[in-house]
Amino acid sequence: MSRYLDLLEASITRRGGRLCVGIDPDPAHLPAAFSQGEEGLRRWCELLISATADYAAAYKVNLAFFEAYGSGGMRVAESIRSLLPSDTPLIIDVKRGDIGSTVAAQARALYDVLGADAVTANPYLGIGALEPLLVREDRFVYLLCRTSNPEAPEFQELRVAADGSAPEEALYLRVARLAAARPEARAGRIGLVAGATAAAAMAQLREVAPNLPLLVPGIGAQGGDLAAVLAHGEATGTPSARVGGSLLVNVGRGISGSETDGGATPEAIHARSAEWASRLAILTP
């Protein structure tokens, strides 16, 4: 039914957990040998992927960090799909959203040039405006819903009026409700971004959208509530009642470390990825 969810389920099963490794090459946190220029950036990505490949059920690339390097950074971004195992999903985190031919161009860039299996997108212009991203049966879209940043409540917690069968509720819950009702959700092509720093919100999300896959940032350096994520994050019914509950928990700096903490070595990165994989392991009978 869903190429991406099939791919993700197989990868979660193979790795034994829900760990998504974030690739966020901020020069401020990279060892000096990797923080300058295209070649250093490429070697850093190769190191990070190699050191985490035993445990990563998926990888999430924050494209902004590559764009900041200019054309050289984009060349590295274009190569990442080829650096990953072919059976490991690649998520491109771009939070795109626009209308018409612009979204169609974004879909070509993300899916066909960068090789993304899934992307993050902003539903602010209306979920239907994202059709060129959603229509691809072989891809997947995580809609921003309740994000992990401290400014999120400014809009996401605003109350919206009752409408039809939807009660008065916070805007992020309306996003989840509308997403869950779309045919792409039944086809397994829509999920939500739900930050681990808003534990109460995640429980409410699951009441509104019990079946949608979640991509959860905010664990690790941002101090999100892992216990709440594991308690409420898994999808509970069809079409997403799969191994691991189609739940992915992203960890970036908590695995990659930094030059200042002395932990940006292959051995240290491998050890941290093993630790996070253990914390995110699937409980088996």
Foldseek 3Di string as FASTA:
>chain_A
DAQLLVLLLVLCVQQQFQEEEEDQDDLVFADPQQSDALVSVLVLLLLLCVLQVSHHLAYEYALVNLVVRPPSSVVSLQCNCVSHDVSRAYEYEDQADDADPVLLVVLCCVCVRNPHQEYEHECPVHPVRNCSNLVDRRHAYAYEQQAADPCRCVQQQDWDPADVPRHTGGNSLVVLLVQLPDVSVQSPRYAYEHELQCLVVLQVSCVRRLQGAYEYECPAPNPGDLVSCVVRHARDDPPQPGQLNNYHYYDYCQQCPGVVVVQNHSVSSSVSSVVVSVSRGGDDD
